[in-house]
Amino acid sequence: MTTKQYLAALKKLGLTPYARVTAKVLGLSPRQCKRLATGSSPIPGPVDRLLWVLCEHGVPAAWLDD
C-alpha cells in the first residue's frame, strides 16, 4: 500500500490521518499514524489488510467511541 492509497482509505472511512481516533482504530500511536501519512514510514502489511477489511465492511461503531 502506498501513502496515497493509505490516505484514500482513511478518507473513504471518514477518518483523518492525524486524529486520535484513527490511531485507536488502527491500533497505532498517533506518532506512527503521522509517519504513515507523510510517507516517512512504509505502511505495514497488517495495517494494509485491516484498512482493506474496514473499507469493505466499515468501521464498527464501538471502535469510534472515545
N, C-alpha and C. Protein backbone atom coordinates (compact mmCIF):
# COMPACT_ATOMS: atom_id res chain seq x y z
N MET A 1 0.85 -1.17 0.00
CA MET A 1 0.00 0.00 0.00
C MET A 1 0.90 1.23 0.00
N THR A 2 0.57 2.16 -0.86
CA THR A 2 1.31 3.41 -0.91
C THR A 2 0.71 4.42 0.07
N THR A 3 1.44 5.48 0.30
CA THR A 3 0.93 6.55 1.16
C THR A 3 -0.36 7.13 0.59
N LYS A 4 -0.40 7.30 -0.72
CA LYS A 4 -1.60 7.84 -1.38
C LYS A 4 -2.80 6.91 -1.15
N GLN A 5 -2.60 5.61 -1.26
CA GLN A 5 -3.67 4.64 -1.02
C GLN A 5 -4.10 4.65 0.45
N TYR A 6 -3.13 4.78 1.34
CA TYR A 6 -3.42 4.86 2.78
C TYR A 6 -4.33 6.05 3.06
N LEU A 7 -3.96 7.21 2.54
CA LEU A 7 -4.76 8.42 2.76
C LEU A 7 -6.14 8.30 2.13
N ALA A 8 -6.23 7.67 0.96
CA ALA A 8 -7.52 7.47 0.30
C ALA A 8 -8.42 6.54 1.13
N ALA A 9 -7.83 5.49 1.70
CA ALA A 9 -8.60 4.55 2.52
C ALA A 9 -9.13 5.27 3.77
N LEU A 10 -8.30 6.08 4.40
CA LEU A 10 -8.75 6.82 5.57
C LEU A 10 -9.90 7.75 5.20
N LYS A 11 -9.77 8.43 4.07
CA LYS A 11 -10.83 9.35 3.62
C LYS A 11 -12.13 8.59 3.38
N LYS A 12 -12.03 7.42 2.75
CA LYS A 12 -13.22 6.60 2.49
C LYS A 12 -13.92 6.21 3.79
N LEU A 13 -13.12 5.99 4.83
CA LEU A 13 -13.66 5.59 6.13
C LEU A 13 -14.10 6.78 6.98
N GLY A 14 -13.86 7.98 6.50
CA GLY A 14 -14.22 9.17 7.26
C GLY A 14 -13.25 9.47 8.38
N LEU A 15 -12.03 8.97 8.26
CA LEU A 15 -11.00 9.20 9.26
C LEU A 15 -9.98 10.20 8.73
N THR A 16 -9.34 10.91 9.64
CA THR A 16 -8.29 11.84 9.24
C THR A 16 -6.95 11.31 9.73
N PRO A 17 -5.89 11.59 8.99
CA PRO A 17 -4.59 10.99 9.31
C PRO A 17 -4.03 11.33 10.67
N TYR A 18 -4.40 12.50 11.23
CA TYR A 18 -3.76 12.93 12.47
C TYR A 18 -4.68 12.87 13.69
N ALA A 19 -5.84 12.26 13.55
CA ALA A 19 -6.79 12.19 14.66
C ALA A 19 -6.47 11.02 15.59
N ARG A 20 -6.74 11.22 16.86
CA ARG A 20 -6.53 10.14 17.84
C ARG A 20 -7.38 8.93 17.53
N VAL A 21 -8.60 9.16 17.03
CA VAL A 21 -9.49 8.05 16.74
C VAL A 21 -8.90 7.17 15.63
N THR A 22 -8.19 7.77 14.69
CA THR A 22 -7.55 6.99 13.63
C THR A 22 -6.51 6.06 14.23
N ALA A 23 -5.71 6.58 15.13
CA ALA A 23 -4.70 5.76 15.81
C ALA A 23 -5.37 4.63 16.58
N LYS A 24 -6.47 4.94 17.24
CA LYS A 24 -7.19 3.92 18.01
C LYS A 24 -7.73 2.82 17.10
N VAL A 25 -8.35 3.21 16.00
CA VAL A 25 -8.93 2.22 15.07
C VAL A 25 -7.84 1.33 14.49
N LEU A 26 -6.70 1.91 14.16
CA LEU A 26 -5.62 1.14 13.53
C LEU A 26 -4.72 0.44 14.54
N GLY A 27 -4.89 0.75 15.82
CA GLY A 27 -4.04 0.13 16.84
C GLY A 27 -2.62 0.65 16.80
N LEU A 28 -2.47 1.91 16.42
CA LEU A 28 -1.15 2.53 16.31
C LEU A 28 -1.08 3.74 17.23
N SER A 29 0.12 4.26 17.38
CA SER A 29 0.27 5.52 18.11
C SER A 29 -0.03 6.67 17.15
N PRO A 30 -0.45 7.81 17.69
CA PRO A 30 -0.65 8.97 16.82
C PRO A 30 0.62 9.34 16.04
N ARG A 31 1.76 9.15 16.68
CA ARG A 31 3.04 9.45 16.02
C ARG A 31 3.25 8.54 14.80
N GLN A 32 2.93 7.26 14.96
CA GLN A 32 3.09 6.33 13.84
C GLN A 32 2.12 6.67 12.71
N CYS A 33 0.90 7.06 13.06
CA CYS A 33 -0.08 7.47 12.03
C CYS A 33 0.45 8.66 11.24
N LYS A 34 1.10 9.59 11.92
CA LYS A 34 1.68 10.75 11.24
C LYS A 34 2.78 10.31 10.28
N ARG A 35 3.61 9.38 10.72
CA ARG A 35 4.69 8.88 9.86
C ARG A 35 4.13 8.20 8.61
N LEU A 36 3.06 7.44 8.78
CA LEU A 36 2.45 6.77 7.64
C LEU A 36 1.85 7.79 6.68
N ALA A 37 1.21 8.82 7.22
CA ALA A 37 0.54 9.83 6.39
C ALA A 37 1.53 10.69 5.61
N THR A 38 2.71 10.89 6.17
CA THR A 38 3.70 11.72 5.50
C THR A 38 4.61 10.91 4.58
N GLY A 39 4.51 9.59 4.67
CA GLY A 39 5.36 8.74 3.83
C GLY A 39 6.73 8.48 4.41
N SER A 40 6.98 8.91 5.64
CA SER A 40 8.29 8.68 6.24
C SER A 40 8.45 7.25 6.75
N SER A 41 7.35 6.51 6.86
CA SER A 41 7.39 5.09 7.20
C SER A 41 6.52 4.34 6.20
N PRO A 42 6.94 3.13 5.81
CA PRO A 42 6.10 2.33 4.92
C PRO A 42 4.85 1.84 5.66
N ILE A 43 3.79 1.58 4.91
CA ILE A 43 2.56 1.06 5.50
C ILE A 43 2.78 -0.42 5.82
N PRO A 44 2.68 -0.81 7.09
CA PRO A 44 2.86 -2.22 7.43
C PRO A 44 1.77 -3.09 6.81
N GLY A 45 2.13 -4.31 6.47
CA GLY A 45 1.18 -5.25 5.87
C GLY A 45 -0.10 -5.41 6.68
N PRO A 46 -0.02 -5.60 8.00
CA PRO A 46 -1.25 -5.75 8.78
C PRO A 46 -2.16 -4.52 8.72
N VAL A 47 -1.59 -3.32 8.66
CA VAL A 47 -2.39 -2.11 8.55
C VAL A 47 -3.07 -2.07 7.18
N ASP A 48 -2.34 -2.45 6.16
CA ASP A 48 -2.88 -2.54 4.80
C ASP A 48 -4.10 -3.46 4.79
N ARG A 49 -3.95 -4.65 5.36
CA ARG A 49 -5.06 -5.62 5.36
C ARG A 49 -6.23 -5.14 6.20
N LEU A 50 -5.95 -4.53 7.34
CA LEU A 50 -7.01 -4.01 8.19
C LEU A 50 -7.80 -2.93 7.46
N LEU A 51 -7.10 -2.03 6.80
CA LEU A 51 -7.80 -0.97 6.06
C LEU A 51 -8.65 -1.55 4.94
N TRP A 52 -8.15 -2.58 4.28
CA TRP A 52 -8.93 -3.22 3.22
C TRP A 52 -10.24 -3.78 3.79
N VAL A 53 -10.15 -4.49 4.91
CA VAL A 53 -11.35 -5.06 5.55
C VAL A 53 -12.30 -3.96 5.99
N LEU A 54 -11.77 -2.92 6.60
CA LEU A 54 -12.62 -1.82 7.07
C LEU A 54 -13.29 -1.10 5.90
N CYS A 55 -12.58 -0.95 4.80
CA CYS A 55 -13.18 -0.31 3.62
C CYS A 55 -14.30 -1.18 3.04
N GLU A 56 -14.16 -2.48 3.14
CA GLU A 56 -15.19 -3.40 2.63
C GLU A 56 -16.40 -3.48 3.56
N HIS A 57 -16.17 -3.43 4.87
CA HIS A 57 -17.24 -3.70 5.84
C HIS A 57 -17.57 -2.54 6.77
N GLY A 58 -16.75 -1.49 6.77
CA GLY A 58 -16.98 -0.34 7.64
C GLY A 58 -16.30 -0.50 8.98
N VAL A 59 -16.20 0.61 9.67
CA VAL A 59 -15.58 0.63 11.00
C VAL A 59 -16.68 0.37 12.03
N PRO A 60 -16.51 -0.63 12.89
CA PRO A 60 -17.52 -0.85 13.94
C PRO A 60 -17.67 0.40 14.80
N ALA A 61 -18.90 0.75 15.09
CA ALA A 61 -19.20 1.97 15.85
C ALA A 61 -18.48 1.99 17.20
N ALA A 62 -18.36 0.84 17.83
CA ALA A 62 -17.71 0.76 19.14
C ALA A 62 -16.23 1.20 19.05
N TRP A 63 -15.62 1.04 17.90
CA TRP A 63 -14.23 1.43 17.74
C TRP A 63 -14.08 2.94 17.70
N LEU A 64 -15.16 3.64 17.37
CA LEU A 64 -15.10 5.09 17.22
C LEU A 64 -15.37 5.83 18.52
N ASP A 65 -15.86 5.10 19.54
CA ASP A 65 -16.12 5.73 20.84
C ASP A 65 -14.80 6.08 21.49
N ASP A 66 -14.77 7.25 22.09
CA ASP A 66 -13.55 7.68 22.77
C ASP A 66 -13.63 7.56 24.25
